[in-house]
N, C-alpha and C. Protein backbone atom coordinates (compact mmCIF):
# COMPACT_ATOMS: atom_id res chain seq x y z
N VAL A 1 0.86 -1.18 0.00
CA VAL A 1 0.00 0.00 0.00
C VAL A 1 0.89 1.24 0.00
N VAL A 2 0.65 2.12 -0.95
CA VAL A 2 1.32 3.42 -1.00
C VAL A 2 0.32 4.45 -0.50
N THR A 3 0.71 5.21 0.50
CA THR A 3 -0.15 6.23 1.07
C THR A 3 0.51 7.58 0.92
N LEU A 4 -0.29 8.57 0.56
CA LEU A 4 0.17 9.96 0.48
C LEU A 4 -0.63 10.77 1.49
N ASP A 5 0.09 11.48 2.39
CA ASP A 5 -0.63 12.26 3.39
C ASP A 5 -0.93 13.66 2.86
N ALA A 6 -1.59 14.47 3.67
CA ALA A 6 -2.04 15.80 3.24
C ALA A 6 -0.87 16.71 2.86
N GLU A 7 0.31 16.45 3.40
CA GLU A 7 1.49 17.26 3.08
C GLU A 7 2.26 16.72 1.88
N GLY A 8 1.79 15.60 1.32
CA GLY A 8 2.45 15.02 0.15
C GLY A 8 3.54 14.02 0.47
N ARG A 9 3.72 13.68 1.75
CA ARG A 9 4.71 12.66 2.11
C ARG A 9 4.20 11.30 1.69
N ALA A 10 5.12 10.46 1.22
CA ALA A 10 4.76 9.12 0.75
C ALA A 10 5.16 8.09 1.80
N TYR A 11 4.34 7.05 1.88
CA TYR A 11 4.58 5.93 2.79
C TYR A 11 4.36 4.64 2.02
N LEU A 12 5.24 3.69 2.22
CA LEU A 12 5.06 2.36 1.66
C LEU A 12 4.84 1.42 2.83
N ASN A 13 3.64 0.85 2.89
CA ASN A 13 3.28 -0.02 4.02
C ASN A 13 3.56 0.66 5.35
N ASN A 14 3.11 1.90 5.47
CA ASN A 14 3.20 2.71 6.70
C ASN A 14 4.60 3.17 7.07
N ARG A 15 5.58 3.02 6.15
CA ARG A 15 6.94 3.50 6.41
C ARG A 15 7.21 4.65 5.46
N GLU A 16 7.60 5.82 6.00
CA GLU A 16 7.85 6.97 5.13
C GLU A 16 8.98 6.66 4.16
N ILE A 17 8.80 7.14 2.91
CA ILE A 17 9.76 6.83 1.86
C ILE A 17 9.78 7.99 0.86
N THR A 18 10.95 8.26 0.29
CA THR A 18 11.02 9.28 -0.75
C THR A 18 10.48 8.68 -2.05
N LEU A 19 10.10 9.55 -2.99
CA LEU A 19 9.61 9.04 -4.26
C LEU A 19 10.70 8.30 -5.02
N GLU A 20 11.96 8.72 -4.87
CA GLU A 20 13.06 8.03 -5.52
C GLU A 20 13.21 6.60 -4.97
N ASP A 21 13.15 6.48 -3.65
CA ASP A 21 13.24 5.15 -3.02
C ASP A 21 12.00 4.32 -3.33
N LEU A 22 10.85 4.97 -3.44
CA LEU A 22 9.62 4.27 -3.78
C LEU A 22 9.76 3.64 -5.17
N GLU A 23 10.29 4.41 -6.11
CA GLU A 23 10.48 3.89 -7.46
C GLU A 23 11.42 2.69 -7.47
N ARG A 24 12.52 2.80 -6.76
CA ARG A 24 13.49 1.71 -6.69
C ARG A 24 12.88 0.46 -6.03
N THR A 25 12.19 0.66 -4.93
CA THR A 25 11.59 -0.46 -4.19
C THR A 25 10.50 -1.14 -5.01
N LEU A 26 9.61 -0.34 -5.61
CA LEU A 26 8.54 -0.93 -6.42
C LEU A 26 9.11 -1.60 -7.67
N GLY A 27 10.16 -1.04 -8.23
CA GLY A 27 10.82 -1.67 -9.37
C GLY A 27 11.36 -3.04 -9.01
N ASN A 28 11.97 -3.16 -7.84
CA ASN A 28 12.47 -4.45 -7.37
C ASN A 28 11.33 -5.44 -7.13
N LEU A 29 10.24 -4.95 -6.53
CA LEU A 29 9.08 -5.82 -6.30
C LEU A 29 8.51 -6.33 -7.62
N ALA A 30 8.40 -5.45 -8.61
CA ALA A 30 7.85 -5.83 -9.91
C ALA A 30 8.77 -6.81 -10.63
N ALA A 31 10.08 -6.64 -10.45
CA ALA A 31 11.04 -7.56 -11.08
C ALA A 31 10.92 -8.95 -10.46
N ASP A 32 10.71 -9.00 -9.15
CA ASP A 32 10.58 -10.28 -8.44
C ASP A 32 9.23 -10.94 -8.72
N ASP A 33 8.17 -10.13 -8.85
CA ASP A 33 6.82 -10.65 -9.06
C ASP A 33 6.07 -9.73 -10.01
N PRO A 34 6.05 -10.04 -11.30
CA PRO A 34 5.37 -9.18 -12.27
C PRO A 34 3.88 -9.00 -12.00
N GLU A 35 3.29 -9.85 -11.17
CA GLU A 35 1.86 -9.76 -10.83
C GLU A 35 1.60 -9.01 -9.53
N VAL A 36 2.64 -8.36 -8.97
CA VAL A 36 2.46 -7.65 -7.71
C VAL A 36 1.36 -6.60 -7.87
N ALA A 37 0.55 -6.44 -6.84
CA ALA A 37 -0.54 -5.47 -6.84
C ALA A 37 -0.23 -4.36 -5.84
N VAL A 38 -0.56 -3.14 -6.21
CA VAL A 38 -0.30 -1.99 -5.35
C VAL A 38 -1.60 -1.20 -5.17
N LEU A 39 -1.89 -0.85 -3.95
CA LEU A 39 -3.02 0.04 -3.63
C LEU A 39 -2.45 1.43 -3.37
N VAL A 40 -3.07 2.45 -3.91
CA VAL A 40 -2.64 3.83 -3.71
C VAL A 40 -3.75 4.55 -2.96
N ARG A 41 -3.38 5.11 -1.81
CA ARG A 41 -4.35 5.82 -0.97
C ARG A 41 -3.83 7.24 -0.76
N GLY A 42 -4.64 8.24 -1.06
CA GLY A 42 -4.23 9.63 -0.89
C GLY A 42 -5.20 10.38 0.00
N ASP A 43 -4.66 11.25 0.81
CA ASP A 43 -5.47 12.11 1.65
C ASP A 43 -6.35 12.99 0.76
N GLU A 44 -7.60 13.19 1.14
CA GLU A 44 -8.52 13.96 0.30
C GLU A 44 -8.11 15.41 0.13
N ARG A 45 -7.26 15.92 1.03
CA ARG A 45 -6.80 17.32 0.93
C ARG A 45 -5.57 17.47 0.03
N LEU A 46 -5.04 16.35 -0.43
CA LEU A 46 -3.83 16.34 -1.23
C LEU A 46 -4.10 16.81 -2.66
N GLU A 47 -3.14 17.55 -3.23
CA GLU A 47 -3.24 17.94 -4.63
C GLU A 47 -3.21 16.69 -5.51
N TYR A 48 -4.05 16.65 -6.52
CA TYR A 48 -4.15 15.50 -7.41
C TYR A 48 -2.81 15.19 -8.08
N GLY A 49 -2.01 16.20 -8.34
CA GLY A 49 -0.72 16.02 -9.01
C GLY A 49 0.21 15.07 -8.26
N LYS A 50 0.11 15.04 -6.94
CA LYS A 50 0.96 14.14 -6.15
C LYS A 50 0.59 12.69 -6.41
N VAL A 51 -0.70 12.43 -6.55
CA VAL A 51 -1.15 11.06 -6.86
C VAL A 51 -0.68 10.68 -8.27
N VAL A 52 -0.72 11.64 -9.19
CA VAL A 52 -0.26 11.38 -10.55
C VAL A 52 1.22 11.02 -10.55
N GLN A 53 2.03 11.65 -9.71
CA GLN A 53 3.44 11.31 -9.62
C GLN A 53 3.63 9.84 -9.26
N VAL A 54 2.85 9.36 -8.31
CA VAL A 54 2.94 7.95 -7.91
C VAL A 54 2.47 7.05 -9.05
N MET A 55 1.41 7.46 -9.73
CA MET A 55 0.91 6.67 -10.85
C MET A 55 1.97 6.56 -11.95
N LYS A 56 2.70 7.63 -12.20
CA LYS A 56 3.77 7.61 -13.19
C LYS A 56 4.87 6.63 -12.79
N ILE A 57 5.17 6.58 -11.49
CA ILE A 57 6.17 5.63 -11.00
C ILE A 57 5.70 4.20 -11.26
N LEU A 58 4.43 3.93 -10.94
CA LEU A 58 3.89 2.59 -11.17
C LEU A 58 3.99 2.21 -12.65
N TYR A 59 3.67 3.15 -13.52
CA TYR A 59 3.75 2.90 -14.96
C TYR A 59 5.20 2.65 -15.38
N LYS A 60 6.11 3.46 -14.87
CA LYS A 60 7.53 3.34 -15.23
C LYS A 60 8.12 2.00 -14.85
N VAL A 61 7.73 1.49 -13.67
CA VAL A 61 8.28 0.20 -13.21
C VAL A 61 7.42 -0.98 -13.66
N ARG A 62 6.41 -0.68 -14.49
CA ARG A 62 5.56 -1.69 -15.12
C ARG A 62 4.70 -2.48 -14.14
N ILE A 63 4.19 -1.78 -13.14
CA ILE A 63 3.20 -2.40 -12.27
C ILE A 63 1.83 -2.11 -12.89
N THR A 64 1.16 -3.17 -13.29
CA THR A 64 -0.12 -3.01 -13.98
C THR A 64 -1.32 -3.34 -13.10
N ARG A 65 -1.08 -3.99 -11.99
CA ARG A 65 -2.17 -4.32 -11.06
C ARG A 65 -2.16 -3.29 -9.94
N MET A 66 -3.03 -2.30 -10.07
CA MET A 66 -3.08 -1.25 -9.05
C MET A 66 -4.51 -0.77 -8.91
N ALA A 67 -4.78 -0.13 -7.78
CA ALA A 67 -6.10 0.43 -7.53
C ALA A 67 -5.95 1.65 -6.65
N LEU A 68 -6.82 2.62 -6.86
CA LEU A 68 -6.91 3.77 -5.98
C LEU A 68 -7.90 3.46 -4.88
N VAL A 69 -7.52 3.71 -3.65
CA VAL A 69 -8.36 3.40 -2.51
C VAL A 69 -9.09 4.67 -2.06
N THR A 70 -10.39 4.54 -1.86
CA THR A 70 -11.17 5.65 -1.33
C THR A 70 -11.80 5.19 -0.02
N LEU A 71 -12.03 6.15 0.83
CA LEU A 71 -12.68 5.86 2.12
C LEU A 71 -14.05 6.48 2.12
N SER A 72 -15.05 5.71 2.52
CA SER A 72 -16.39 6.27 2.60
C SER A 72 -16.50 7.11 3.86
N GLU A 73 -17.35 8.14 3.76
CA GLU A 73 -17.51 9.04 4.92
C GLU A 73 -18.52 8.50 5.89
């Protein structure tokens, strides 16, 4: 699970991570398991562009199984 908080900080499985490290880590995961699935969760106050940055990383490392997570109110 990749989470983006309201300030734009990224977390991978609840551990803070830079976008550069996220790309490297997800790339390694995809190389080990091409069917790896990633959930992307963003704070509702976050700028949409930050989510797009993560989506671009997923595309770059060829992760095709992904979903955006929403929370019901």
